[in-house]
Amino acid sequence: MSLDDRQKAFEDKYKHDQELQFKVMVRRNKLLGLFIAELLGLTGDKAEEYAREVISTDFEEPGDEDVVRKVMADIQNSNVDFSEHRLRKKIDELTSVAKQQIMSE
């Protein structure tokens, strides 16, 4: 295998890994949005719409802080008893769930 072949293989793997990570984060955010929607008393189309809002919020800046800020503000505005610590644990949990779901598809 030539150096160019190895470089192309590395670039292809990197691209695949980035696409996989993106899919996992989108799925995680959807699952999180649906979970939080339930806490907020949203169902059906309103829950789906909220999940889409959570997904789109994640494109505002790198990392999870934009999602955490949005969701915590919504939780606090609705007087739901759910701490930021619990939210971050739920995000970690749902990241694993999302990765399992994407890998099994």
PDB file of N, CA and C in Angstrom:
ATOM      1  N   MET A   1       0.855  -1.177   0.000  1.00  0.00           N
ATOM      2  CA  MET A   1       0.000   0.000   0.000  1.00  0.00           C
ATOM      3  C   MET A   1       0.900   1.237   0.000  1.00  0.00           C
ATOM      4  N   SER A   2       0.621   2.124  -0.920  1.00  0.00           N
ATOM      5  CA  SER A   2       1.455   3.320  -1.042  1.00  0.00           C
ATOM      6  C   SER A   2       1.075   4.345   0.026  1.00  0.00           C
ATOM      7  N   LEU A   3       1.925   5.326   0.174  1.00  0.00           N
ATOM      8  CA  LEU A   3       1.667   6.405   1.124  1.00  0.00           C
ATOM      9  C   LEU A   3       0.378   7.137   0.762  1.00  0.00           C
ATOM     10  N   ASP A   4       0.155   7.371  -0.526  1.00  0.00           N
ATOM     11  CA  ASP A   4      -1.079   8.036  -0.958  1.00  0.00           C
ATOM     12  C   ASP A   4      -2.320   7.205  -0.616  1.00  0.00           C
ATOM     13  N   ASP A   5      -2.214   5.884  -0.769  1.00  0.00           N
ATOM     14  CA  ASP A   5      -3.327   5.000  -0.433  1.00  0.00           C
ATOM     15  C   ASP A   5      -3.624   5.043   1.063  1.00  0.00           C
ATOM     16  N   ARG A   6      -2.573   5.032   1.870  1.00  0.00           N
ATOM     17  CA  ARG A   6      -2.754   5.094   3.319  1.00  0.00           C
ATOM     18  C   ARG A   6      -3.363   6.431   3.735  1.00  0.00           C
ATOM     19  N   GLN A   7      -2.906   7.498   3.096  1.00  0.00           N
ATOM     20  CA  GLN A   7      -3.438   8.819   3.417  1.00  0.00           C
ATOM     21  C   GLN A   7      -4.915   8.903   3.044  1.00  0.00           C
ATOM     22  N   LYS A   8      -5.260   8.379   1.867  1.00  0.00           N
ATOM     23  CA  LYS A   8      -6.663   8.390   1.442  1.00  0.00           C
ATOM     24  C   LYS A   8      -7.512   7.553   2.396  1.00  0.00           C
ATOM     25  N   ALA A   9      -7.003   6.401   2.816  1.00  0.00           N
ATOM     26  CA  ALA A   9      -7.745   5.544   3.745  1.00  0.00           C
ATOM     27  C   ALA A   9      -7.956   6.265   5.077  1.00  0.00           C
ATOM     28  N   PHE A  10      -6.931   6.955   5.545  1.00  0.00           N
ATOM     29  CA  PHE A  10      -7.041   7.709   6.791  1.00  0.00           C
ATOM     30  C   PHE A  10      -8.080   8.823   6.655  1.00  0.00           C
ATOM     31  N   GLU A  11      -8.037   9.552   5.542  1.00  0.00           N
ATOM     32  CA  GLU A  11      -8.994  10.630   5.307  1.00  0.00           C
ATOM     33  C   GLU A  11     -10.421  10.096   5.212  1.00  0.00           C
ATOM     34  N   ASP A  12     -10.588   8.945   4.547  1.00  0.00           N
ATOM     35  CA  ASP A  12     -11.912   8.334   4.432  1.00  0.00           C
ATOM     36  C   ASP A  12     -12.442   7.908   5.799  1.00  0.00           C
ATOM     37  N   LYS A  13     -11.570   7.335   6.620  1.00  0.00           N
ATOM     38  CA  LYS A  13     -11.978   6.920   7.963  1.00  0.00           C
ATOM     39  C   LYS A  13     -12.347   8.135   8.799  1.00  0.00           C
ATOM     40  N   TYR A  14     -11.559   9.192   8.709  1.00  0.00           N
ATOM     41  CA  TYR A  14     -11.848  10.418   9.453  1.00  0.00           C
ATOM     42  C   TYR A  14     -13.203  10.981   9.041  1.00  0.00           C
ATOM     43  N   LYS A  15     -13.453  11.020   7.745  1.00  0.00           N
ATOM     44  CA  LYS A  15     -14.735  11.531   7.234  1.00  0.00           C
ATOM     45  C   LYS A  15     -15.893  10.676   7.750  1.00  0.00           C
ATOM     46  N   HIS A  16     -15.734   9.369   7.704  1.00  0.00           N
ATOM     47  CA  HIS A  16     -16.768   8.454   8.191  1.00  0.00           C
ATOM     48  C   HIS A  16     -17.017   8.674   9.684  1.00  0.00           C
ATOM     49  N   ASP A  17     -15.945   8.789  10.465  1.00  0.00           N
ATOM     50  CA  ASP A  17     -16.074   9.004  11.910  1.00  0.00           C
ATOM     51  C   ASP A  17     -16.784  10.320  12.215  1.00  0.00           C
ATOM     52  N   GLN A  18     -16.480  11.369  11.447  1.00  0.00           N
ATOM     53  CA  GLN A  18     -17.125  12.666  11.649  1.00  0.00           C
ATOM     54  C   GLN A  18     -18.615  12.587  11.316  1.00  0.00           C
ATOM     55  N   GLU A  19     -18.956  11.906  10.235  1.00  0.00           N
ATOM     56  CA  GLU A  19     -20.357  11.742   9.859  1.00  0.00           C
ATOM     57  C   GLU A  19     -21.109  10.945  10.916  1.00  0.00           C
ATOM     58  N   LEU A  20     -20.472   9.899  11.429  1.00  0.00           N
ATOM     59  CA  LEU A  20     -21.079   9.085  12.477  1.00  0.00           C
ATOM     60  C   LEU A  20     -21.313   9.919  13.738  1.00  0.00           C
ATOM     61  N   GLN A  21     -20.328  10.702  14.125  1.00  0.00           N
ATOM     62  CA  GLN A  21     -20.453  11.551  15.309  1.00  0.00           C
ATOM     63  C   GLN A  21     -21.593  12.563  15.126  1.00  0.00           C
ATOM     64  N   PHE A  22     -21.699  13.127  13.943  1.00  0.00           N
ATOM     65  CA  PHE A  22     -22.778  14.076  13.650  1.00  0.00           C
ATOM     66  C   PHE A  22     -24.140  13.397  13.803  1.00  0.00           C
ATOM     67  N   LYS A  23     -24.288  12.211  13.229  1.00  0.00           N
ATOM     68  CA  LYS A  23     -25.547  11.484  13.317  1.00  0.00           C
ATOM     69  C   LYS A  23     -25.900  11.148  14.762  1.00  0.00           C
ATOM     70  N   VAL A  24     -24.889  10.764  15.538  1.00  0.00           N
ATOM     71  CA  VAL A  24     -25.112  10.442  16.950  1.00  0.00           C
ATOM     72  C   VAL A  24     -25.593  11.679  17.709  1.00  0.00           C
ATOM     73  N   MET A  25     -24.966  12.824  17.460  1.00  0.00           N
ATOM     74  CA  MET A  25     -25.354  14.049  18.169  1.00  0.00           C
ATOM     75  C   MET A  25     -26.776  14.497  17.788  1.00  0.00           C
ATOM     76  N   VAL A  26     -27.116  14.384  16.512  1.00  0.00           N
ATOM     77  CA  VAL A  26     -28.472  14.747  16.089  1.00  0.00           C
ATOM     78  C   VAL A  26     -29.486  13.809  16.746  1.00  0.00           C
ATOM     79  N   ARG A  27     -29.198  12.517  16.734  1.00  0.00           N
ATOM     80  CA  ARG A  27     -30.111  11.547  17.362  1.00  0.00           C
ATOM     81  C   ARG A  27     -30.207  11.801  18.860  1.00  0.00           C
ATOM     82  N   ARG A  28     -29.064  12.044  19.508  1.00  0.00           N
ATOM     83  CA  ARG A  28     -29.064  12.327  20.940  1.00  0.00           C
ATOM     84  C   ARG A  28     -29.919  13.548  21.254  1.00  0.00           C
ATOM     85  N   ASN A  29     -29.776  14.594  20.456  1.00  0.00           N
ATOM     86  CA  ASN A  29     -30.549  15.807  20.687  1.00  0.00           C
ATOM     87  C   ASN A  29     -32.039  15.586  20.470  1.00  0.00           C
ATOM     88  N   LYS A  30     -32.390  14.747  19.517  1.00  0.00           N
ATOM     89  CA  LYS A  30     -33.803  14.426  19.309  1.00  0.00           C
ATOM     90  C   LYS A  30     -34.346  13.679  20.524  1.00  0.00           C
ATOM     91  N   LEU A  31     -33.598  12.680  20.986  1.00  0.00           N
ATOM     92  CA  LEU A  31     -34.023  11.926  22.166  1.00  0.00           C
ATOM     93  C   LEU A  31     -34.133  12.840  23.386  1.00  0.00           C
ATOM     94  N   LEU A  32     -33.166  13.734  23.536  1.00  0.00           N
ATOM     95  CA  LEU A  32     -33.195  14.686  24.645  1.00  0.00           C
ATOM     96  C   LEU A  32     -34.413  15.605  24.523  1.00  0.00           C
ATOM     97  N   GLY A  33     -34.656  16.106  23.332  1.00  0.00           N
ATOM     98  CA  GLY A  33     -35.797  16.986  23.113  1.00  0.00           C
ATOM     99  C   GLY A  33     -37.112  16.304  23.453  1.00  0.00           C
ATOM    100  N   LEU A  34     -37.247  15.039  23.059  1.00  0.00           N
ATOM    101  CA  LEU A  34     -38.467  14.301  23.366  1.00  0.00           C
ATOM    102  C   LEU A  34     -38.601  14.047  24.867  1.00  0.00           C
ATOM    103  N   PHE A  35     -37.477  13.763  25.527  1.00  0.00           N
ATOM    104  CA  PHE A  35     -37.480  13.555  26.974  1.00  0.00           C
ATOM    105  C   PHE A  35     -37.897  14.832  27.707  1.00  0.00           C
ATOM    106  N   ILE A  36     -37.286  15.947  27.332  1.00  0.00           N
ATOM    107  CA  ILE A  36     -37.598  17.225  27.982  1.00  0.00           C
ATOM    108  C   ILE A  36     -39.027  17.659  27.651  1.00  0.00           C
ATOM    109  N   ALA A  37     -39.457  17.403  26.430  1.00  0.00           N
ATOM    110  CA  ALA A  37     -40.835  17.739  26.049  1.00  0.00           C
ATOM    111  C   ALA A  37     -41.820  17.040  26.979  1.00  0.00           C
ATOM    112  N   GLU A  38     -41.539  15.791  27.303  1.00  0.00           N
ATOM    113  CA  GLU A  38     -42.408  15.052  28.220  1.00  0.00           C
ATOM    114  C   GLU A  38     -42.426  15.719  29.602  1.00  0.00           C
ATOM    115  N   LEU A  39     -41.236  16.135  30.077  1.00  0.00           N
ATOM    116  CA  LEU A  39     -41.172  16.845  31.359  1.00  0.00           C
ATOM    117  C   LEU A  39     -41.987  18.135  31.328  1.00  0.00           C
ATOM    118  N   LEU A  40     -41.993  18.788  30.174  1.00  0.00           N
ATOM    119  CA  LEU A  40     -42.696  20.061  30.021  1.00  0.00           C
ATOM    120  C   LEU A  40     -44.186  19.875  29.736  1.00  0.00           C
ATOM    121  N   GLY A  41     -44.605  18.618  29.606  1.00  0.00           N
ATOM    122  CA  GLY A  41     -46.013  18.342  29.355  1.00  0.00           C
ATOM    123  C   GLY A  41     -46.412  18.435  27.894  1.00  0.00           C
ATOM    124  N   LEU A  42     -45.428  18.394  26.995  1.00  0.00           N
ATOM    125  CA  LEU A  42     -45.709  18.467  25.563  1.00  0.00           C
ATOM    126  C   LEU A  42     -45.895  17.058  25.005  1.00  0.00           C
ATOM    127  N   THR A  43     -46.840  16.901  24.100  1.00  0.00           N
ATOM    128  CA  THR A  43     -47.079  15.602  23.474  1.00  0.00           C
ATOM    129  C   THR A  43     -47.277  15.776  21.975  1.00  0.00           C
ATOM    130  N   GLY A  44     -47.246  14.668  21.268  1.00  0.00           N
ATOM    131  CA  GLY A  44     -47.545  14.656  19.837  1.00  0.00           C
ATOM    132  C   GLY A  44     -46.683  15.593  19.029  1.00  0.00           C
ATOM    133  N   ASP A  45     -47.342  16.381  18.174  1.00  0.00           N
ATOM    134  CA  ASP A  45     -46.630  17.295  17.280  1.00  0.00           C
ATOM    135  C   ASP A  45     -45.827  18.340  18.046  1.00  0.00           C
ATOM    136  N   LYS A  46     -46.354  18.780  19.183  1.00  0.00           N
ATOM    137  CA  LYS A  46     -45.636  19.793  19.970  1.00  0.00           C
ATOM    138  C   LYS A  46     -44.337  19.217  20.530  1.00  0.00           C
ATOM    139  N   ALA A  47     -44.341  17.956  20.920  1.00  0.00           N
ATOM    140  CA  ALA A  47     -43.127  17.299  21.405  1.00  0.00           C
ATOM    141  C   ALA A  47     -42.115  17.155  20.269  1.00  0.00           C
ATOM    142  N   GLU A  48     -42.580  16.758  19.099  1.00  0.00           N
ATOM    143  CA  GLU A  48     -41.696  16.626  17.936  1.00  0.00           C
ATOM    144  C   GLU A  48     -41.100  17.981  17.546  1.00  0.00           C
ATOM    145  N   GLU A  49     -41.932  19.013  17.594  1.00  0.00           N
ATOM    146  CA  GLU A  49     -41.460  20.363  17.272  1.00  0.00           C
ATOM    147  C   GLU A  49     -40.400  20.811  18.281  1.00  0.00           C
ATOM    148  N   TYR A  50     -40.618  20.514  19.539  1.00  0.00           N
ATOM    149  CA  TYR A  50     -39.638  20.874  20.566  1.00  0.00           C
ATOM    150  C   TYR A  50     -38.321  20.129  20.318  1.00  0.00           C
ATOM    151  N   ALA A  51     -38.408  18.862  19.975  1.00  0.00           N
ATOM    152  CA  ALA A  51     -37.197  18.076  19.689  1.00  0.00           C
ATOM    153  C   ALA A  51     -36.425  18.698  18.521  1.00  0.00           C
ATOM    154  N   ARG A  52     -37.132  19.165  17.501  1.00  0.00           N
ATOM    155  CA  ARG A  52     -36.464  19.826  16.370  1.00  0.00           C
ATOM    156  C   ARG A  52     -35.787  21.117  16.819  1.00  0.00           C
ATOM    157  N   GLU A  53     -36.418  21.839  17.748  1.00  0.00           N
ATOM    158  CA  GLU A  53     -35.790  23.053  18.288  1.00  0.00           C
ATOM    159  C   GLU A  53     -34.483  22.727  19.000  1.00  0.00           C
ATOM    160  N   VAL A  54     -34.491  21.650  19.770  1.00  0.00           N
ATOM    161  CA  VAL A  54     -33.272  21.242  20.481  1.00  0.00           C
ATOM    162  C   VAL A  54     -32.183  20.877  19.480  1.00  0.00           C
ATOM    163  N   ILE A  55     -32.555  20.154  18.437  1.00  0.00           N
ATOM    164  CA  ILE A  55     -31.583  19.780  17.401  1.00  0.00           C
ATOM    165  C   ILE A  55     -30.983  21.027  16.769  1.00  0.00           C
ATOM    166  N   SER A  56     -31.824  21.973  16.384  1.00  0.00           N
ATOM    167  CA  SER A  56     -31.313  23.172  15.696  1.00  0.00           C
ATOM    168  C   SER A  56     -30.498  24.060  16.633  1.00  0.00           C
ATOM    169  N   THR A  57     -30.800  24.036  17.916  1.00  0.00           N
ATOM    170  CA  THR A  57     -30.035  24.830  18.883  1.00  0.00           C
ATOM    171  C   THR A  57     -28.572  24.383  18.911  1.00  0.00           C
ATOM    172  N   ASP A  58     -28.339  23.098  18.706  1.00  0.00           N
ATOM    173  CA  ASP A  58     -26.969  22.574  18.791  1.00  0.00           C
ATOM    174  C   ASP A  58     -26.071  23.093  17.680  1.00  0.00           C
ATOM    175  N   PHE A  59     -26.630  23.705  16.656  1.00  0.00           N
ATOM    176  CA  PHE A  59     -25.812  24.241  15.567  1.00  0.00           C
ATOM    177  C   PHE A  59     -25.326  25.659  15.843  1.00  0.00           C
ATOM    178  N   GLU A  60     -25.714  26.227  16.987  1.00  0.00           N
ATOM    179  CA  GLU A  60     -25.339  27.603  17.301  1.00  0.00           C
ATOM    180  C   GLU A  60     -23.867  27.749  17.659  1.00  0.00           C
ATOM    181  N   GLU A  61     -23.301  26.760  18.355  1.00  0.00           N
ATOM    182  CA  GLU A  61     -21.886  26.804  18.748  1.00  0.00           C
ATOM    183  C   GLU A  61     -21.402  25.386  18.996  1.00  0.00           C
ATOM    184  N   PRO A  62     -20.095  25.165  18.919  1.00  0.00           N
ATOM    185  CA  PRO A  62     -19.562  23.824  19.186  1.00  0.00           C
ATOM    186  C   PRO A  62     -19.831  23.398  20.632  1.00  0.00           C
ATOM    187  N   GLY A  63     -19.965  22.111  20.830  1.00  0.00           N
ATOM    188  CA  GLY A  63     -20.178  21.593  22.174  1.00  0.00           C
ATOM    189  C   GLY A  63     -21.647  21.558  22.552  1.00  0.00           C
ATOM    190  N   ASP A  64     -21.888  21.230  23.804  1.00  0.00           N
ATOM    191  CA  ASP A  64     -23.250  21.037  24.286  1.00  0.00           C
ATOM    192  C   ASP A  64     -23.818  22.225  25.045  1.00  0.00           C
ATOM    193  N   GLU A  65     -23.016  23.243  25.279  1.00  0.00           N
ATOM    194  CA  GLU A  65     -23.453  24.343  26.134  1.00  0.00           C
ATOM    195  C   GLU A  65     -24.680  25.068  25.586  1.00  0.00           C
ATOM    196  N   ASP A  66     -24.785  25.201  24.265  1.00  0.00           N
ATOM    197  CA  ASP A  66     -25.959  25.857  23.685  1.00  0.00           C
ATOM    198  C   ASP A  66     -27.229  25.057  23.977  1.00  0.00           C
ATOM    199  N   VAL A  67     -27.130  23.744  23.902  1.00  0.00           N
ATOM    200  CA  VAL A  67     -28.275  22.885  24.188  1.00  0.00           C
ATOM    201  C   VAL A  67     -28.627  22.952  25.676  1.00  0.00           C
ATOM    202  N   VAL A  68     -27.610  22.900  26.527  1.00  0.00           N
ATOM    203  CA  VAL A  68     -27.845  22.956  27.968  1.00  0.00           C
ATOM    204  C   VAL A  68     -28.536  24.268  28.337  1.00  0.00           C
ATOM    205  N   ARG A  69     -28.050  25.378  27.805  1.00  0.00           N
ATOM    206  CA  ARG A  69     -28.663  26.686  28.101  1.00  0.00           C
ATOM    207  C   ARG A  69     -30.130  26.732  27.670  1.00  0.00           C
ATOM    208  N   LYS A  70     -30.406  26.267  26.458  1.00  0.00           N
ATOM    209  CA  LYS A  70     -31.774  26.307  25.934  1.00  0.00           C
ATOM    210  C   LYS A  70     -32.701  25.449  26.785  1.00  0.00           C
ATOM    211  N   VAL A  71     -32.288  24.221  27.042  1.00  0.00           N
ATOM    212  CA  VAL A  71     -33.139  23.289  27.768  1.00  0.00           C
ATOM    213  C   VAL A  71     -33.331  23.744  29.216  1.00  0.00           C
ATOM    214  N   MET A  72     -32.261  24.202  29.869  1.00  0.00           N
ATOM    215  CA  MET A  72     -32.395  24.659  31.253  1.00  0.00           C
ATOM    216  C   MET A  72     -33.316  25.879  31.335  1.00  0.00           C
ATOM    217  N   ALA A  73     -33.221  26.772  30.373  1.00  0.00           N
ATOM    218  CA  ALA A  73     -34.113  27.942  30.369  1.00  0.00           C
ATOM    219  C   ALA A  73     -35.564  27.495  30.232  1.00  0.00           C
ATOM    220  N   ASP A  74     -35.821  26.529  29.352  1.00  0.00           N
ATOM    221  CA  ASP A  74     -37.182  26.034  29.163  1.00  0.00           C
ATOM    222  C   ASP A  74     -37.688  25.333  30.432  1.00  0.00           C
ATOM    223  N   ILE A  75     -36.819  24.559  31.064  1.00  0.00           N
ATOM    224  CA  ILE A  75     -37.184  23.865  32.305  1.00  0.00           C
ATOM    225  C   ILE A  75     -37.512  24.880  33.402  1.00  0.00           C
ATOM    226  N   GLN A  76     -36.649  25.867  33.555  1.00  0.00           N
ATOM    227  CA  GLN A  76     -36.861  26.874  34.597  1.00  0.00           C
ATOM    228  C   GLN A  76     -38.102  27.711  34.319  1.00  0.00           C
ATOM    229  N   ASN A  77     -38.349  28.044  33.064  1.00  0.00           N
ATOM    230  CA  ASN A  77     -39.543  28.828  32.710  1.00  0.00           C
ATOM    231  C   ASN A  77     -40.835  28.055  32.947  1.00  0.00           C
ATOM    232  N   SER A  78     -40.735  26.741  32.965  1.00  0.00           N
ATOM    233  CA  SER A  78     -41.918  25.904  33.185  1.00  0.00           C
ATOM    234  C   SER A  78     -42.021  25.425  34.629  1.00  0.00           C
ATOM    235  N   ASN A  79     -41.094  25.889  35.471  1.00  0.00           N
ATOM    236  CA  ASN A  79     -41.091  25.507  36.894  1.00  0.00           C
ATOM    237  C   ASN A  79     -41.035  23.998  37.108  1.00  0.00           C
ATOM    238  N   VAL A  80     -40.267  23.325  36.251  1.00  0.00           N
ATOM    239  CA  VAL A  80     -40.059  21.889  36.394  1.00  0.00           C
ATOM    240  C   VAL A  80     -38.818  21.692  37.260  1.00  0.00           C
ATOM    241  N   ASP A  81     -38.891  20.751  38.187  1.00  0.00           N
ATOM    242  CA  ASP A  81     -37.776  20.476  39.086  1.00  0.00           C
ATOM    243  C   ASP A  81     -36.816  19.486  38.417  1.00  0.00           C
ATOM    244  N   PHE A  82     -35.823  20.025  37.732  1.00  0.00           N
ATOM    245  CA  PHE A  82     -34.836  19.191  37.037  1.00  0.00           C
ATOM    246  C   PHE A  82     -33.542  19.982  36.999  1.00  0.00           C
ATOM    247  N   SER A  83     -32.507  19.479  37.656  1.00  0.00           N
ATOM    248  CA  SER A  83     -31.260  20.231  37.806  1.00  0.00           C
ATOM    249  C   SER A  83     -30.370  20.119  36.567  1.00  0.00           C
ATOM    250  N   GLU A  84     -29.445  21.055  36.459  1.00  0.00           N
ATOM    251  CA  GLU A  84     -28.474  21.006  35.357  1.00  0.00           C
ATOM    252  C   GLU A  84     -27.618  19.751  35.463  1.00  0.00           C
ATOM    253  N   HIS A  85     -27.294  19.355  36.687  1.00  0.00           N
ATOM    254  CA  HIS A  85     -26.499  18.129  36.877  1.00  0.00           C
ATOM    255  C   HIS A  85     -27.242  16.921  36.308  1.00  0.00           C
ATOM    256  N   ARG A  86     -28.526  16.817  36.612  1.00  0.00           N
ATOM    257  CA  ARG A  86     -29.331  15.713  36.081  1.00  0.00           C
ATOM    258  C   ARG A  86     -29.432  15.799  34.568  1.00  0.00           C
ATOM    259  N   LEU A  87     -29.528  17.021  34.050  1.00  0.00           N
ATOM    260  CA  LEU A  87     -29.593  17.211  32.600  1.00  0.00           C
ATOM    261  C   LEU A  87     -28.310  16.698  31.937  1.00  0.00           C
ATOM    262  N   ARG A  88     -27.171  17.072  32.502  1.00  0.00           N
ATOM    263  CA  ARG A  88     -25.896  16.626  31.921  1.00  0.00           C
ATOM    264  C   ARG A  88     -25.740  15.110  31.995  1.00  0.00           C
ATOM    265  N   LYS A  89     -26.205  14.500  33.066  1.00  0.00           N
ATOM    266  CA  LYS A  89     -26.168  13.035  33.164  1.00  0.00           C
ATOM    267  C   LYS A  89     -27.076  12.417  32.097  1.00  0.00           C
ATOM    268  N   LYS A  90     -28.244  13.036  31.882  1.00  0.00           N
ATOM    269  CA  LYS A  90     -29.175  12.532  30.865  1.00  0.00           C
ATOM    270  C   LYS A  90     -28.566  12.670  29.476  1.00  0.00           C
ATOM    271  N   ILE A  91     -27.868  13.766  29.223  1.00  0.00           N
ATOM    272  CA  ILE A  91     -27.194  13.954  27.933  1.00  0.00           C
ATOM    273  C   ILE A  91     -26.172  12.844  27.719  1.00  0.00           C
ATOM    274  N   ASP A  92     -25.379  12.533  28.737  1.00  0.00           N
ATOM    275  CA  ASP A  92     -24.391  11.445  28.617  1.00  0.00           C
ATOM    276  C   ASP A  92     -25.074  10.114  28.343  1.00  0.00           C
ATOM    277  N   GLU A  93     -26.148   9.844  29.076  1.00  0.00           N
ATOM    278  CA  GLU A  93     -26.890   8.606  28.902  1.00  0.00           C
ATOM    279  C   GLU A  93     -27.453   8.505  27.482  1.00  0.00           C
ATOM    280  N   LEU A  94     -28.050   9.583  27.008  1.00  0.00           N
ATOM    281  CA  LEU A  94     -28.667   9.565  25.680  1.00  0.00           C
ATOM    282  C   LEU A  94     -27.643   9.531  24.558  1.00  0.00           C
ATOM    283  N   THR A  95     -26.439  10.026  24.819  1.00  0.00           N
ATOM    284  CA  THR A  95     -25.373   9.913  23.817  1.00  0.00           C
ATOM    285  C   THR A  95     -25.061   8.439  23.572  1.00  0.00           C
ATOM    286  N   SER A  96     -24.983   7.664  24.651  1.00  0.00           N
ATOM    287  CA  SER A  96     -24.727   6.225  24.512  1.00  0.00           C
ATOM    288  C   SER A  96     -25.878   5.527  23.796  1.00  0.00           C
ATOM    289  N   VAL A  97     -27.098   5.877  24.160  1.00  0.00           N
ATOM    290  CA  VAL A  97     -28.275   5.279  23.522  1.00  0.00           C
ATOM    291  C   VAL A  97     -28.282   5.603  22.031  1.00  0.00           C
ATOM    292  N   ALA A  98     -28.026   6.872  21.703  1.00  0.00           N
ATOM    293  CA  ALA A  98     -28.034   7.287  20.300  1.00  0.00           C
ATOM    294  C   ALA A  98     -26.963   6.559  19.508  1.00  0.00           C
ATOM    295  N   LYS A  99     -25.789   6.405  20.088  1.00  0.00           N
ATOM    296  CA  LYS A  99     -24.697   5.716  19.388  1.00  0.00           C
ATOM    297  C   LYS A  99     -25.082   4.258  19.133  1.00  0.00           C
ATOM    298  N   GLN A 100     -25.681   3.610  20.131  1.00  0.00           N
ATOM    299  CA  GLN A 100     -26.121   2.222  19.935  1.00  0.00           C
ATOM    300  C   GLN A 100     -27.166   2.124  18.832  1.00  0.00           C
ATOM    301  N   GLN A 101     -28.100   3.068  18.821  1.00  0.00           N
ATOM    302  CA  GLN A 101     -29.150   3.048  17.803  1.00  0.00           C
ATOM    303  C   GLN A 101     -28.559   3.239  16.407  1.00  0.00           C
ATOM    304  N   ILE A 102     -27.654   4.213  16.261  1.00  0.00           N
ATOM    305  CA  ILE A 102     -27.055   4.492  14.950  1.00  0.00           C
ATOM    306  C   ILE A 102     -26.213   3.308  14.497  1.00  0.00           C
ATOM    307  N   MET A 103     -25.470   2.706  15.394  1.00  0.00           N
ATOM    308  CA  MET A 103     -24.590   1.594  15.018  1.00  0.00           C
ATOM    309  C   MET A 103     -25.388   0.357  14.631  1.00  0.00           C
ATOM    310  N   SER A 104     -26.601   0.220  15.154  1.00  0.00           N
ATOM    311  CA  SER A 104     -27.396  -0.970  14.856  1.00  0.00           C
ATOM    312  C   SER A 104     -28.262  -0.795  13.611  1.00  0.00           C
ATOM    313  N   GLU A 105     -28.258   0.393  13.026  1.00  0.00           N
ATOM    314  CA  GLU A 105     -29.075   0.624  11.824  1.00  0.00           C
ATOM    315  C   GLU A 105     -28.353   0.166  10.571  1.00  0.00           C
TER     316      GLU A 105
END
